[in-house]
């Protein structure tokens, strides 16, 4: 068996066309979605991500505001800027690009962002709403994974889903989203005994551990759907995922590649959340 490739780049492009149309409709009502991104320090990877978000905003007709702050900024100053953006009616989404310097409390930063503008979906209120099936901003990468499966026509209800990884950004929330859609979910992590015992039961296997080529063919059930969230560099410096693509793709039924898999969906869903926030302001006021 050779797996069918789930092309995240193509699906993201399709969703962005839909988003652009809805942005144009909102603008005709006098509301232009606005996203503010705070970049603290000069981390190269963070700057690359921020540039991609600015470009996406421009392509979709949204306003983009980049606020750059020095590495040694005091926590109070950063929190004050977030509070200022909370009150800015032209800004519908706020995110602080992670990671941030260690002298700043990441939890305090996330909790200062208004849940109504938390387009990253990290605020405890949005996480709680997600867990209880209420209207919420969903974390962008997990949300993107669900859209990939939906657009590919892969049913979720009743499936066994195994998530390898338990981060607050991907592992935990994606498992909850699967549970919300009536899957049976197992979380695996660094303390799990006999990983293969669990992963080989998976109809849908999500790899989110941040270790190059960690998931091998021996971990995967014949015909399974394999979602690779990892973005790593191998020993040769080549971009790769958490899944050994060449060998796993010969056993899986569906698989996401790296790149052009999950990655393009993350920023796309950030744009969708910003659009959603802007649309909800019309109903709110």
C-alpha atoms as a PDB file:
ATOM      1  CA  UNK A   1       0.000   0.000   0.000  1.00  0.00           C
ATOM      2  CA  UNK A   2       1.169   3.513  -0.816  1.00  0.00           C
ATOM      3  CA  UNK A   3      -0.466   6.227   1.253  1.00  0.00           C
ATOM      4  CA  UNK A   4      -2.559   9.011  -0.216  1.00  0.00           C
ATOM      5  CA  UNK A   5      -0.845  12.332   0.442  1.00  0.00           C
ATOM      6  CA  UNK A   6      -2.899  14.916   2.347  1.00  0.00           C
ATOM      7  CA  UNK A   7      -1.699  18.107   0.676  1.00  0.00           C
ATOM      8  CA  UNK A   8      -1.956  20.840   3.297  1.00  0.00           C
ATOM      9  CA  UNK A   9      -0.673  23.496   0.922  1.00  0.00           C
ATOM     10  CA  UNK A  10      -3.554  22.915  -1.503  1.00  0.00           C
ATOM     11  CA  UNK A  11      -6.190  22.721   1.228  1.00  0.00           C
ATOM     12  CA  UNK A  12      -4.836  25.877   2.893  1.00  0.00           C
ATOM     13  CA  UNK A  13      -4.997  27.719  -0.441  1.00  0.00           C
ATOM     14  CA  UNK A  14      -8.636  26.691  -0.858  1.00  0.00           C
ATOM     15  CA  UNK A  15      -9.528  27.860   2.670  1.00  0.00           C
ATOM     16  CA  UNK A  16      -7.739  31.174   2.123  1.00  0.00           C
ATOM     17  CA  UNK A  17      -9.895  31.894  -0.923  1.00  0.00           C
ATOM     18  CA  UNK A  18     -12.964  31.379   1.280  1.00  0.00           C
ATOM     19  CA  UNK A  19     -11.492  33.604   4.009  1.00  0.00           C
ATOM     20  CA  UNK A  20     -10.643  36.378   1.511  1.00  0.00           C
ATOM     21  CA  UNK A  21     -14.234  36.388   0.254  1.00  0.00           C
ATOM     22  CA  UNK A  22     -15.576  36.714   3.796  1.00  0.00           C
ATOM     23  CA  UNK A  23     -13.062  39.458   4.614  1.00  0.00           C
ATOM     24  CA  UNK A  24     -14.263  41.412   1.586  1.00  0.00           C
ATOM     25  CA  UNK A  25     -17.873  40.996   2.725  1.00  0.00           C
ATOM     26  CA  UNK A  26     -16.993  42.279   6.204  1.00  0.00           C
ATOM     27  CA  UNK A  27     -15.136  45.254   4.759  1.00  0.00           C
ATOM     28  CA  UNK A  28     -18.251  46.170   2.800  1.00  0.00           C
ATOM     29  CA  UNK A  29     -19.942  46.492   6.198  1.00  0.00           C
ATOM     30  CA  UNK A  30     -17.209  48.819   7.431  1.00  0.00           C
ATOM     31  CA  UNK A  31     -15.151  46.294   9.411  1.00  0.00           C
ATOM     32  CA  UNK A  32     -11.609  45.346   8.391  1.00  0.00           C
ATOM     33  CA  UNK A  33     -10.206  42.444  10.426  1.00  0.00           C
ATOM     34  CA  UNK A  34      -7.043  43.513  12.223  1.00  0.00           C
ATOM     35  CA  UNK A  35      -4.310  41.310  13.700  1.00  0.00           C
ATOM     36  CA  UNK A  36      -1.659  42.609  16.113  1.00  0.00           C
ATOM     37  CA  UNK A  37       1.494  40.552  16.606  1.00  0.00           C
ATOM     38  CA  UNK A  38       3.973  41.331  19.371  1.00  0.00           C
ATOM     39  CA  UNK A  39       7.532  40.149  18.744  1.00  0.00           C
ATOM     40  CA  UNK A  40       9.848  40.252  21.745  1.00  0.00           C
ATOM     41  CA  UNK A  41      13.554  39.988  20.938  1.00  0.00           C
ATOM     42  CA  UNK A  42      15.104  38.937  17.657  1.00  0.00           C
ATOM     43  CA  UNK A  43      14.679  35.159  17.422  1.00  0.00           C
ATOM     44  CA  UNK A  44      15.251  34.270  13.769  1.00  0.00           C
ATOM     45  CA  UNK A  45      12.581  31.561  13.611  1.00  0.00           C
ATOM     46  CA  UNK A  46      10.050  33.804  15.344  1.00  0.00           C
ATOM     47  CA  UNK A  47      10.742  36.623  12.912  1.00  0.00           C
ATOM     48  CA  UNK A  48      10.206  34.230   9.990  1.00  0.00           C
ATOM     49  CA  UNK A  49       6.834  33.149  11.405  1.00  0.00           C
ATOM     50  CA  UNK A  50       5.792  36.744  11.999  1.00  0.00           C
ATOM     51  CA  UNK A  51       6.713  37.718   8.438  1.00  0.00           C
ATOM     52  CA  UNK A  52       4.550  34.848   7.148  1.00  0.00           C
ATOM     53  CA  UNK A  53       1.610  36.084   9.231  1.00  0.00           C
ATOM     54  CA  UNK A  54       2.022  39.651   7.937  1.00  0.00           C
ATOM     55  CA  UNK A  55       2.106  38.367   4.356  1.00  0.00           C
ATOM     56  CA  UNK A  56      -1.030  36.284   4.903  1.00  0.00           C
ATOM     57  CA  UNK A  57      -2.881  39.313   6.287  1.00  0.00           C
ATOM     58  CA  UNK A  58      -1.942  41.381   3.253  1.00  0.00           C
ATOM     59  CA  UNK A  59      -3.008  38.659   0.812  1.00  0.00           C
ATOM     60  CA  UNK A  60      -6.405  38.287   2.495  1.00  0.00           C
ATOM     61  CA  UNK A  61      -7.120  42.015   2.820  1.00  0.00           C
ATOM     62  CA  UNK A  62      -6.674  42.206   6.590  1.00  0.00           C
ATOM     63  CA  UNK A  63      -4.837  44.850   8.567  1.00  0.00           C
ATOM     64  CA  UNK A  64      -1.614  43.754  10.222  1.00  0.00           C
ATOM     65  CA  UNK A  65       0.163  45.507  13.090  1.00  0.00           C
ATOM     66  CA  UNK A  66       3.636  44.358  14.145  1.00  0.00           C
ATOM     67  CA  UNK A  67       4.903  45.578  17.503  1.00  0.00           C
ATOM     68  CA  UNK A  68       8.582  44.867  18.137  1.00  0.00           C
ATOM     69  CA  UNK A  69       9.976  44.949  21.655  1.00  0.00           C
ATOM     70  CA  UNK A  70      13.524  44.512  22.930  1.00  0.00           C
ATOM     71  CA  UNK A  71      14.741  41.312  24.566  1.00  0.00           C
ATOM     72  CA  UNK A  72      15.163  43.049  27.938  1.00  0.00           C
ATOM     73  CA  UNK A  73      11.714  44.646  28.086  1.00  0.00           C
ATOM     74  CA  UNK A  74      10.060  44.515  31.492  1.00  0.00           C
ATOM     75  CA  UNK A  75       7.052  42.268  31.927  1.00  0.00           C
ATOM     76  CA  UNK A  76       4.879  45.178  33.072  1.00  0.00           C
ATOM     77  CA  UNK A  77       5.512  47.085  29.842  1.00  0.00           C
ATOM     78  CA  UNK A  78       4.561  44.087  27.709  1.00  0.00           C
ATOM     79  CA  UNK A  79       1.364  43.504  29.700  1.00  0.00           C
ATOM     80  CA  UNK A  80       0.470  47.201  29.425  1.00  0.00           C
ATOM     81  CA  UNK A  81       0.812  47.019  25.627  1.00  0.00           C
ATOM     82  CA  UNK A  82      -1.488  43.984  25.532  1.00  0.00           C
ATOM     83  CA  UNK A  83      -4.072  45.833  27.646  1.00  0.00           C
ATOM     84  CA  UNK A  84      -3.866  48.753  25.233  1.00  0.00           C
ATOM     85  CA  UNK A  85      -4.545  46.428  22.287  1.00  0.00           C
ATOM     86  CA  UNK A  86      -7.443  44.829  24.185  1.00  0.00           C
ATOM     87  CA  UNK A  87      -9.120  48.243  24.123  1.00  0.00           C
ATOM     88  CA  UNK A  88      -8.319  49.009  20.464  1.00  0.00           C
ATOM     89  CA  UNK A  89     -11.502  48.489  18.425  1.00  0.00           C
ATOM     90  CA  UNK A  90      -9.518  48.188  15.161  1.00  0.00           C
ATOM     91  CA  UNK A  91      -7.652  45.139  16.474  1.00  0.00           C
ATOM     92  CA  UNK A  92      -9.598  41.873  16.493  1.00  0.00           C
ATOM     93  CA  UNK A  93      -6.771  39.435  17.131  1.00  0.00           C
ATOM     94  CA  UNK A  94      -3.752  39.658  19.424  1.00  0.00           C
ATOM     95  CA  UNK A  95      -0.878  37.229  19.700  1.00  0.00           C
ATOM     96  CA  UNK A  96       2.502  37.335  21.346  1.00  0.00           C
ATOM     97  CA  UNK A  97       4.953  35.297  19.300  1.00  0.00           C
ATOM     98  CA  UNK A  98       6.440  32.511  21.405  1.00  0.00           C
ATOM     99  CA  UNK A  99       8.967  31.833  22.801  1.00  0.00           C
ATOM    100  CA  UNK A 100       9.450  34.929  24.916  1.00  0.00           C
ATOM    101  CA  UNK A 101      12.398  35.774  27.216  1.00  0.00           C
ATOM    102  CA  UNK A 102      12.517  33.706  30.413  1.00  0.00           C
ATOM    103  CA  UNK A 103      12.182  36.694  32.745  1.00  0.00           C
ATOM    104  CA  UNK A 104       8.606  37.164  31.485  1.00  0.00           C
ATOM    105  CA  UNK A 105       5.827  34.889  32.752  1.00  0.00           C
ATOM    106  CA  UNK A 106       4.340  33.254  29.644  1.00  0.00           C
ATOM    107  CA  UNK A 107       1.126  32.269  31.438  1.00  0.00           C
ATOM    108  CA  UNK A 108       0.577  35.831  32.620  1.00  0.00           C
ATOM    109  CA  UNK A 109       1.063  37.126  29.068  1.00  0.00           C
ATOM    110  CA  UNK A 110      -1.450  34.649  27.609  1.00  0.00           C
ATOM    111  CA  UNK A 111      -4.006  35.367  30.326  1.00  0.00           C
ATOM    112  CA  UNK A 112      -3.719  39.143  29.802  1.00  0.00           C
ATOM    113  CA  UNK A 113      -4.900  38.851  26.196  1.00  0.00           C
ATOM    114  CA  UNK A 114      -8.668  39.273  26.075  1.00  0.00           C
ATOM    115  CA  UNK A 115     -10.369  35.900  25.395  1.00  0.00           C
ATOM    116  CA  UNK A 116     -12.366  37.789  22.739  1.00  0.00           C
ATOM    117  CA  UNK A 117      -9.126  38.549  20.854  1.00  0.00           C
ATOM    118  CA  UNK A 118      -7.195  35.375  21.680  1.00  0.00           C
ATOM    119  CA  UNK A 119      -6.898  34.157  18.091  1.00  0.00           C
ATOM    120  CA  UNK A 120      -4.115  31.713  19.043  1.00  0.00           C
ATOM    121  CA  UNK A 121      -6.659  29.894  21.205  1.00  0.00           C
ATOM    122  CA  UNK A 122      -4.306  29.643  24.196  1.00  0.00           C
ATOM    123  CA  UNK A 123      -6.277  31.548  26.859  1.00  0.00           C
ATOM    124  CA  UNK A 124      -7.607  29.275  29.650  1.00  0.00           C
ATOM    125  CA  UNK A 125     -11.133  30.518  28.971  1.00  0.00           C
ATOM    126  CA  UNK A 126     -10.962  29.466  25.326  1.00  0.00           C
ATOM    127  CA  UNK A 127      -9.360  26.148  26.293  1.00  0.00           C
ATOM    128  CA  UNK A 128     -12.190  25.570  28.787  1.00  0.00           C
ATOM    129  CA  UNK A 129     -14.827  26.441  26.211  1.00  0.00           C
ATOM    130  CA  UNK A 130     -13.195  24.086  23.726  1.00  0.00           C
ATOM    131  CA  UNK A 131     -13.218  21.250  26.263  1.00  0.00           C
ATOM    132  CA  UNK A 132     -16.917  21.744  26.973  1.00  0.00           C
ATOM    133  CA  UNK A 133     -17.878  22.079  23.305  1.00  0.00           C
ATOM    134  CA  UNK A 134     -18.761  25.775  23.449  1.00  0.00           C
ATOM    135  CA  UNK A 135     -18.005  28.525  20.949  1.00  0.00           C
ATOM    136  CA  UNK A 136     -14.284  29.294  21.265  1.00  0.00           C
ATOM    137  CA  UNK A 137     -11.167  30.266  19.376  1.00  0.00           C
ATOM    138  CA  UNK A 138      -9.498  26.914  18.710  1.00  0.00           C
ATOM    139  CA  UNK A 139      -5.686  26.534  18.784  1.00  0.00           C
ATOM    140  CA  UNK A 140      -4.540  26.983  15.211  1.00  0.00           C
ATOM    141  CA  UNK A 141      -2.472  23.853  14.558  1.00  0.00           C
ATOM    142  CA  UNK A 142      -4.984  21.413  16.095  1.00  0.00           C
ATOM    143  CA  UNK A 143      -7.803  23.225  14.303  1.00  0.00           C
ATOM    144  CA  UNK A 144      -5.868  22.958  11.051  1.00  0.00           C
ATOM    145  CA  UNK A 145      -5.493  19.206  11.539  1.00  0.00           C
ATOM    146  CA  UNK A 146      -9.251  18.793  11.923  1.00  0.00           C
ATOM    147  CA  UNK A 147      -9.873  20.828   8.763  1.00  0.00           C
ATOM    148  CA  UNK A 148      -7.353  18.706   6.826  1.00  0.00           C
ATOM    149  CA  UNK A 149      -9.259  15.562   7.769  1.00  0.00           C
ATOM    150  CA  UNK A 150     -12.624  17.135   7.016  1.00  0.00           C
ATOM    151  CA  UNK A 151     -11.516  18.350   3.595  1.00  0.00           C
ATOM    152  CA  UNK A 152     -10.023  14.928   2.802  1.00  0.00           C
ATOM    153  CA  UNK A 153     -13.312  13.232   3.716  1.00  0.00           C
ATOM    154  CA  UNK A 154     -11.887  11.203   6.594  1.00  0.00           C
ATOM    155  CA  UNK A 155     -14.529  10.271   9.173  1.00  0.00           C
ATOM    156  CA  UNK A 156     -13.600  10.701  12.837  1.00  0.00           C
ATOM    157  CA  UNK A 157     -16.564   9.455  14.891  1.00  0.00           C
ATOM    158  CA  UNK A 158     -15.884   6.031  16.395  1.00  0.00           C
ATOM    159  CA  UNK A 159     -12.231   5.957  15.324  1.00  0.00           C
ATOM    160  CA  UNK A 160      -9.313   5.117  17.608  1.00  0.00           C
ATOM    161  CA  UNK A 161      -7.041   8.158  17.719  1.00  0.00           C
ATOM    162  CA  UNK A 162      -3.579   8.073  19.263  1.00  0.00           C
ATOM    163  CA  UNK A 163      -1.756  11.341  19.940  1.00  0.00           C
ATOM    164  CA  UNK A 164       1.985  11.054  20.550  1.00  0.00           C
ATOM    165  CA  UNK A 165       2.883  14.240  22.439  1.00  0.00           C
ATOM    166  CA  UNK A 166       1.141  16.209  25.169  1.00  0.00           C
ATOM    167  CA  UNK A 167       2.063  19.864  24.658  1.00  0.00           C
ATOM    168  CA  UNK A 168      -0.433  22.582  25.506  1.00  0.00           C
ATOM    169  CA  UNK A 169      -0.127  23.941  21.967  1.00  0.00           C
ATOM    170  CA  UNK A 170      -0.790  20.763  19.950  1.00  0.00           C
ATOM    171  CA  UNK A 171      -0.976  17.439  21.778  1.00  0.00           C
ATOM    172  CA  UNK A 172      -3.547  18.127  24.480  1.00  0.00           C
ATOM    173  CA  UNK A 173      -5.926  20.317  22.446  1.00  0.00           C
ATOM    174  CA  UNK A 174      -5.919  18.135  19.317  1.00  0.00           C
ATOM    175  CA  UNK A 175      -6.897  15.139  21.423  1.00  0.00           C
ATOM    176  CA  UNK A 176      -9.792  17.131  22.862  1.00  0.00           C
ATOM    177  CA  UNK A 177     -10.971  18.161  19.394  1.00  0.00           C
ATOM    178  CA  UNK A 178     -11.017  14.521  18.342  1.00  0.00           C
ATOM    179  CA  UNK A 179     -12.940  13.637  21.507  1.00  0.00           C
ATOM    180  CA  UNK A 180     -15.443  16.395  20.713  1.00  0.00           C
ATOM    181  CA  UNK A 181     -16.051  14.620  17.395  1.00  0.00           C
ATOM    182  CA  UNK A 182     -16.724  11.275  19.103  1.00  0.00           C
ATOM    183  CA  UNK A 183     -13.357   9.576  18.622  1.00  0.00           C
ATOM    184  CA  UNK A 184     -11.766   7.367  21.292  1.00  0.00           C
ATOM    185  CA  UNK A 185      -8.513   9.121  22.212  1.00  0.00           C
ATOM    186  CA  UNK A 186      -5.271   7.822  23.720  1.00  0.00           C
ATOM    187  CA  UNK A 187      -2.409  10.154  24.675  1.00  0.00           C
ATOM    188  CA  UNK A 188       1.160   8.820  24.570  1.00  0.00           C
ATOM    189  CA  UNK A 189       4.289  10.606  25.811  1.00  0.00           C
ATOM    190  CA  UNK A 190       7.823  10.132  27.104  1.00  0.00           C
ATOM    191  CA  UNK A 191       6.638   8.049  30.084  1.00  0.00           C
ATOM    192  CA  UNK A 192       4.432   5.719  28.022  1.00  0.00           C
ATOM    193  CA  UNK A 193       5.471   2.067  28.254  1.00  0.00           C
ATOM    194  CA  UNK A 194       5.526   0.047  25.012  1.00  0.00           C
ATOM    195  CA  UNK A 195       4.609   2.863  22.653  1.00  0.00           C
ATOM    196  CA  UNK A 196       3.986   0.494  19.735  1.00  0.00           C
ATOM    197  CA  UNK A 197       1.291  -1.327  21.698  1.00  0.00           C
ATOM    198  CA  UNK A 198      -0.746   1.882  21.604  1.00  0.00           C
ATOM    199  CA  UNK A 199       0.165   3.389  18.233  1.00  0.00           C
ATOM    200  CA  UNK A 200      -0.595   0.166  16.328  1.00  0.00           C
ATOM    201  CA  UNK A 201      -4.205   0.428  17.539  1.00  0.00           C
ATOM    202  CA  UNK A 202      -4.611   3.843  15.928  1.00  0.00           C
ATOM    203  CA  UNK A 203      -6.948   4.451  13.038  1.00  0.00           C
ATOM    204  CA  UNK A 204      -5.633   8.020  13.156  1.00  0.00           C
ATOM    205  CA  UNK A 205      -2.115   8.620  14.513  1.00  0.00           C
ATOM    206  CA  UNK A 206      -0.935  12.165  15.340  1.00  0.00           C
ATOM    207  CA  UNK A 207       2.829  12.602  15.833  1.00  0.00           C
ATOM    208  CA  UNK A 208       3.712  15.761  17.761  1.00  0.00           C
ATOM    209  CA  UNK A 209       6.919  15.036  19.692  1.00  0.00           C
ATOM    210  CA  UNK A 210       9.520  17.209  17.974  1.00  0.00           C
ATOM    211  CA  UNK A 211      11.930  14.321  17.315  1.00  0.00           C
ATOM    212  CA  UNK A 212      13.064  13.729  13.705  1.00  0.00           C
ATOM    213  CA  UNK A 213      11.727  10.519  12.143  1.00  0.00           C
ATOM    214  CA  UNK A 214      10.565   9.198  15.524  1.00  0.00           C
ATOM    215  CA  UNK A 215       7.542   7.278  14.226  1.00  0.00           C
ATOM    216  CA  UNK A 216       8.583   4.287  12.106  1.00  0.00           C
ATOM    217  CA  UNK A 217       6.578   1.828  10.038  1.00  0.00           C
ATOM    218  CA  UNK A 218       6.618  -0.571  12.987  1.00  0.00           C
ATOM    219  CA  UNK A 219       4.526   1.937  14.986  1.00  0.00           C
ATOM    220  CA  UNK A 220       1.762   2.163  12.390  1.00  0.00           C
ATOM    221  CA  UNK A 221      -1.261  -0.016  11.631  1.00  0.00           C
ATOM    222  CA  UNK A 222      -1.815  -0.949   7.994  1.00  0.00           C
ATOM    223  CA  UNK A 223      -4.025   1.672   6.355  1.00  0.00           C
ATOM    224  CA  UNK A 224      -3.912   4.174   9.233  1.00  0.00           C
ATOM    225  CA  UNK A 225      -4.170   7.941   8.796  1.00  0.00           C
ATOM    226  CA  UNK A 226      -0.868   9.502   9.905  1.00  0.00           C
ATOM    227  CA  UNK A 227      -0.689  13.196  10.760  1.00  0.00           C
ATOM    228  CA  UNK A 228       2.847  14.543  11.148  1.00  0.00           C
ATOM    229  CA  UNK A 229       3.035  17.783  13.133  1.00  0.00           C
ATOM    230  CA  UNK A 230       6.826  17.830  13.493  1.00  0.00           C
ATOM    231  CA  UNK A 231       9.098  20.402  11.890  1.00  0.00           C
ATOM    232  CA  UNK A 232      12.698  19.299  12.421  1.00  0.00           C
ATOM    233  CA  UNK A 233      16.080  19.172  10.767  1.00  0.00           C
ATOM    234  CA  UNK A 234      17.766  15.816  10.289  1.00  0.00           C
ATOM    235  CA  UNK A 235      21.498  15.175  10.580  1.00  0.00           C
ATOM    236  CA  UNK A 236      21.993  16.401   7.016  1.00  0.00           C
ATOM    237  CA  UNK A 237      20.155  19.627   7.814  1.00  0.00           C
ATOM    238  CA  UNK A 238      17.147  18.674   5.685  1.00  0.00           C
ATOM    239  CA  UNK A 239      13.639  19.591   6.833  1.00  0.00           C
ATOM    240  CA  UNK A 240      11.740  16.577   8.122  1.00  0.00           C
ATOM    241  CA  UNK A 241       8.880  15.631  10.398  1.00  0.00           C
ATOM    242  CA  UNK A 242       8.393  13.350  13.380  1.00  0.00           C
ATOM    243  CA  UNK A 243       7.439  10.528  10.996  1.00  0.00           C
ATOM    244  CA  UNK A 244       9.881   8.506   8.876  1.00  0.00           C
ATOM    245  CA  UNK A 245       7.935   9.438   5.761  1.00  0.00           C
ATOM    246  CA  UNK A 246       9.430   7.052   3.200  1.00  0.00           C
ATOM    247  CA  UNK A 247       8.791   3.886   5.190  1.00  0.00           C
ATOM    248  CA  UNK A 248       5.533   4.912   6.846  1.00  0.00           C
ATOM    249  CA  UNK A 249       3.975   6.075   3.573  1.00  0.00           C
ATOM    250  CA  UNK A 250       4.292   2.500   2.300  1.00  0.00           C
ATOM    251  CA  UNK A 251       2.071   1.268   5.142  1.00  0.00           C
ATOM    252  CA  UNK A 252      -0.356   4.103   5.934  1.00  0.00           C
ATOM    253  CA  UNK A 253      -3.584   4.837   4.091  1.00  0.00           C
ATOM    254  CA  UNK A 254      -3.190   8.624   4.325  1.00  0.00           C
ATOM    255  CA  UNK A 255      -0.234  10.734   5.414  1.00  0.00           C
ATOM    256  CA  UNK A 256       0.707  14.398   5.700  1.00  0.00           C
ATOM    257  CA  UNK A 257       4.137  15.321   4.305  1.00  0.00           C
ATOM    258  CA  UNK A 258       6.674  17.741   5.776  1.00  0.00           C
ATOM    259  CA  UNK A 259       6.679  20.383   4.412  1.00  0.00           C
ATOM    260  CA  UNK A 260       3.287  21.082   2.744  1.00  0.00           C
ATOM    261  CA  UNK A 261       1.281  19.154   5.302  1.00  0.00           C
ATOM    262  CA  UNK A 262       0.064  20.530   8.615  1.00  0.00           C
ATOM    263  CA  UNK A 263       2.286  23.636   8.506  1.00  0.00           C
ATOM    264  CA  UNK A 264       0.349  25.715   5.935  1.00  0.00           C
ATOM    265  CA  UNK A 265      -2.860  25.165   7.900  1.00  0.00           C
ATOM    266  CA  UNK A 266      -1.605  26.823  11.091  1.00  0.00           C
ATOM    267  CA  UNK A 267      -1.412  30.371   9.730  1.00  0.00           C
ATOM    268  CA  UNK A 268      -4.558  29.788   7.665  1.00  0.00           C
ATOM    269  CA  UNK A 269      -6.553  28.981  10.793  1.00  0.00           C
ATOM    270  CA  UNK A 270      -5.020  32.004  12.547  1.00  0.00           C
ATOM    271  CA  UNK A 271      -6.434  34.111   9.723  1.00  0.00           C
ATOM    272  CA  UNK A 272      -9.781  32.360  10.093  1.00  0.00           C
ATOM    273  CA  UNK A 273      -9.853  33.054  13.842  1.00  0.00           C
ATOM    274  CA  UNK A 274      -9.089  36.732  13.222  1.00  0.00           C
ATOM    275  CA  UNK A 275     -11.917  36.888  10.689  1.00  0.00           C
ATOM    276  CA  UNK A 276     -14.244  35.157  13.178  1.00  0.00           C
ATOM    277  CA  UNK A 277     -13.330  37.673  15.889  1.00  0.00           C
ATOM    278  CA  UNK A 278     -14.008  40.618  13.570  1.00  0.00           C
ATOM    279  CA  UNK A 279     -17.366  39.150  12.493  1.00  0.00           C
ATOM    280  CA  UNK A 280     -18.383  38.622  16.109  1.00  0.00           C
ATOM    281  CA  UNK A 281     -17.780  42.296  16.922  1.00  0.00           C
ATOM    282  CA  UNK A 282     -20.617  43.191  14.531  1.00  0.00           C
ATOM    283  CA  UNK A 283     -22.986  40.924  16.434  1.00  0.00           C
ATOM    284  CA  UNK A 284     -21.642  42.107  19.789  1.00  0.00           C
ATOM    285  CA  UNK A 285     -22.126  45.819  19.161  1.00  0.00           C
END
